[in-house]
Amino acid sequence: MVRPVDWSVVGFDLDPVPGDPVVVRQGGNDYVGVADAIKKCADSLRALDAGGSRGSESVEALLETRDDILSKVEVAEGRYRSAGQALVEYAGALERARRIR
């Protein structure tokens, strides 16, 4: 069923429950996808081993800062994942709120 355009009969100038749950859910899934990509990169960095590259200044520098980089990346992953999950959850609530009975 299509939502009404004129809400004045119930005392509102605009739709009291604006938004598109499909768009909100997709945005949430996109954020979770970014979190997944960040985690994959962090896992690759965590598994990084100098191997035969010992002595290379750039590899040594990366390995020295790896833990600091990982801690910051893990914070970013958590924030993206939390935001994405919240948006997906909100999309469900928005969908239920927008149902016309």
C-alpha atoms as a PDB file:
ATOM      1  CA  MET A   1       0.000   0.000   0.000  1.00  0.00           C
ATOM      2  CA  VAL A   2       1.246   3.489  -0.844  1.00  0.00           C
ATOM      3  CA  ARG A   3       1.688   5.904   2.052  1.00  0.00           C
ATOM      4  CA  PRO A   4      -0.613   8.917   2.111  1.00  0.00           C
ATOM      5  CA  VAL A   5       0.671  12.267   0.904  1.00  0.00           C
ATOM      6  CA  ASP A   6      -1.762  14.434   2.875  1.00  0.00           C
ATOM      7  CA  TRP A   7      -1.243  14.011   6.623  1.00  0.00           C
ATOM      8  CA  SER A   8      -3.268  17.104   7.609  1.00  0.00           C
ATOM      9  CA  VAL A   9      -6.294  14.975   8.529  1.00  0.00           C
ATOM     10  CA  VAL A  10      -4.316  13.637  11.508  1.00  0.00           C
ATOM     11  CA  GLY A  11      -2.713  16.968  12.354  1.00  0.00           C
ATOM     12  CA  PHE A  12       0.642  16.650  10.615  1.00  0.00           C
ATOM     13  CA  ASP A  13       2.101  18.795   7.860  1.00  0.00           C
ATOM     14  CA  LEU A  14       4.450  16.012   6.740  1.00  0.00           C
ATOM     15  CA  ASP A  15       4.752  12.242   6.984  1.00  0.00           C
ATOM     16  CA  PRO A  16       5.315  11.569  10.723  1.00  0.00           C
ATOM     17  CA  VAL A  17       7.584   8.612   9.936  1.00  0.00           C
ATOM     18  CA  PRO A  18       9.829   9.732   7.074  1.00  0.00           C
ATOM     19  CA  GLY A  19      12.539   7.600   5.602  1.00  0.00           C
ATOM     20  CA  ASP A  20      13.050   4.621   3.366  1.00  0.00           C
ATOM     21  CA  PRO A  21      13.852   1.392   5.226  1.00  0.00           C
ATOM     22  CA  VAL A  22      15.362  -0.160   2.091  1.00  0.00           C
ATOM     23  CA  VAL A  23      17.851   2.710   1.750  1.00  0.00           C
ATOM     24  CA  VAL A  24      18.637   2.685   5.479  1.00  0.00           C
ATOM     25  CA  ARG A  25      19.199  -1.091   5.471  1.00  0.00           C
ATOM     26  CA  GLN A  26      21.475  -0.850   2.418  1.00  0.00           C
ATOM     27  CA  GLY A  27      23.483   1.887   4.105  1.00  0.00           C
ATOM     28  CA  GLY A  28      23.852  -0.304   7.176  1.00  0.00           C
ATOM     29  CA  ASN A  29      24.946  -3.265   5.075  1.00  0.00           C
ATOM     30  CA  ASP A  30      27.463  -1.011   3.301  1.00  0.00           C
ATOM     31  CA  TYR A  31      28.946   0.048   6.655  1.00  0.00           C
ATOM     32  CA  VAL A  32      29.188  -3.598   7.765  1.00  0.00           C
ATOM     33  CA  GLY A  33      30.917  -4.356   4.448  1.00  0.00           C
ATOM     34  CA  VAL A  34      33.476  -1.623   5.138  1.00  0.00           C
ATOM     35  CA  ALA A  35      34.026  -3.116   8.610  1.00  0.00           C
ATOM     36  CA  ASP A  36      34.578  -6.542   7.014  1.00  0.00           C
ATOM     37  CA  ALA A  37      37.135  -5.065   4.598  1.00  0.00           C
ATOM     38  CA  ILE A  38      38.929  -3.286   7.452  1.00  0.00           C
ATOM     39  CA  LYS A  39      39.049  -6.555   9.420  1.00  0.00           C
ATOM     40  CA  LYS A  40      40.479  -8.413   6.423  1.00  0.00           C
ATOM     41  CA  CYS A  41      43.222  -5.787   6.045  1.00  0.00           C
ATOM     42  CA  ALA A  42      43.945  -5.885   9.783  1.00  0.00           C
ATOM     43  CA  ASP A  43      44.205  -9.678   9.670  1.00  0.00           C
ATOM     44  CA  SER A  44      46.686  -9.394   6.781  1.00  0.00           C
ATOM     45  CA  LEU A  45      48.734  -6.830   8.680  1.00  0.00           C
ATOM     46  CA  ARG A  46      48.630  -8.987  11.819  1.00  0.00           C
ATOM     47  CA  ALA A  47      49.953 -11.965   9.821  1.00  0.00           C
ATOM     48  CA  LEU A  48      52.726  -9.889   8.269  1.00  0.00           C
ATOM     49  CA  ASP A  49      56.142 -11.374   8.852  1.00  0.00           C
ATOM     50  CA  ALA A  50      59.410  -9.867   7.768  1.00  0.00           C
ATOM     51  CA  GLY A  51      60.613 -13.284   6.611  1.00  0.00           C
ATOM     52  CA  GLY A  52      63.553 -12.763   4.283  1.00  0.00           C
ATOM     53  CA  SER A  53      63.115  -9.009   4.348  1.00  0.00           C
ATOM     54  CA  ARG A  54      64.858  -8.509   7.663  1.00  0.00           C
ATOM     55  CA  GLY A  55      67.195  -5.605   7.390  1.00  0.00           C
ATOM     56  CA  SER A  56      64.917  -3.657   5.098  1.00  0.00           C
ATOM     57  CA  GLU A  57      64.305  -0.345   6.836  1.00  0.00           C
ATOM     58  CA  SER A  58      60.773   0.000   5.515  1.00  0.00           C
ATOM     59  CA  VAL A  59      59.753  -3.494   6.657  1.00  0.00           C
ATOM     60  CA  GLU A  60      61.372  -2.946  10.054  1.00  0.00           C
ATOM     61  CA  ALA A  61      59.569   0.386  10.444  1.00  0.00           C
ATOM     62  CA  LEU A  62      56.235  -1.199   9.535  1.00  0.00           C
ATOM     63  CA  LEU A  63      56.724  -4.046  11.976  1.00  0.00           C
ATOM     64  CA  GLU A  64      57.658  -1.594  14.746  1.00  0.00           C
ATOM     65  CA  THR A  65      54.433   0.383  14.271  1.00  0.00           C
ATOM     66  CA  ARG A  66      52.167  -2.581  13.469  1.00  0.00           C
ATOM     67  CA  ASP A  67      50.582  -2.843  16.928  1.00  0.00           C
ATOM     68  CA  ASP A  68      49.809   0.870  17.053  1.00  0.00           C
ATOM     69  CA  ILE A  69      48.317   0.762  13.557  1.00  0.00           C
ATOM     70  CA  LEU A  70      46.260  -2.331  14.432  1.00  0.00           C
ATOM     71  CA  SER A  71      44.824  -0.769  17.569  1.00  0.00           C
ATOM     72  CA  LYS A  72      43.624   2.252  15.561  1.00  0.00           C
ATOM     73  CA  VAL A  73      42.288   0.101  12.738  1.00  0.00           C
ATOM     74  CA  GLU A  74      40.396  -2.104  15.197  1.00  0.00           C
ATOM     75  CA  VAL A  75      38.697   1.002  16.632  1.00  0.00           C
ATOM     76  CA  ALA A  76      37.622   2.057  13.134  1.00  0.00           C
ATOM     77  CA  GLU A  77      36.328  -1.439  12.374  1.00  0.00           C
ATOM     78  CA  GLY A  78      34.281  -1.483  15.569  1.00  0.00           C
ATOM     79  CA  ARG A  79      32.753   1.900  14.833  1.00  0.00           C
ATOM     80  CA  TYR A  80      31.781   0.976  11.271  1.00  0.00           C
ATOM     81  CA  ARG A  81      30.383  -2.372  12.406  1.00  0.00           C
ATOM     82  CA  SER A  82      28.366  -0.829  15.251  1.00  0.00           C
ATOM     83  CA  ALA A  83      26.979   1.923  13.033  1.00  0.00           C
ATOM     84  CA  GLY A  84      26.084  -0.566  10.305  1.00  0.00           C
ATOM     85  CA  GLN A  85      24.342  -2.932  12.690  1.00  0.00           C
ATOM     86  CA  ALA A  86      22.443  -0.033  14.266  1.00  0.00           C
ATOM     87  CA  LEU A  87      21.252   1.129  10.841  1.00  0.00           C
ATOM     88  CA  VAL A  88      20.118  -2.376   9.877  1.00  0.00           C
ATOM     89  CA  GLU A  89      18.245  -2.680  13.179  1.00  0.00           C
ATOM     90  CA  TYR A  90      16.711   0.775  12.717  1.00  0.00           C
ATOM     91  CA  ALA A  91      15.597  -0.154   9.195  1.00  0.00           C
ATOM     92  CA  GLY A  92      13.495  -2.955  10.665  1.00  0.00           C
ATOM     93  CA  ALA A  93      11.918  -0.598  13.198  1.00  0.00           C
ATOM     94  CA  LEU A  94      11.314   2.002  10.501  1.00  0.00           C
ATOM     95  CA  GLU A  95       9.712  -0.611   8.285  1.00  0.00           C
ATOM     96  CA  ARG A  96       7.347  -1.643  11.082  1.00  0.00           C
ATOM     97  CA  ALA A  97       6.539   1.994  11.954  1.00  0.00           C
ATOM     98  CA  ARG A  98       5.711   2.850   8.341  1.00  0.00           C
ATOM     99  CA  ARG A  99       3.214  -0.011   7.921  1.00  0.00           C
ATOM    100  CA  ILE A 100      -0.271   1.323   7.428  1.00  0.00           C
ATOM    101  CA  ARG A 101      -2.879  -0.772   9.136  1.00  0.00           C
END
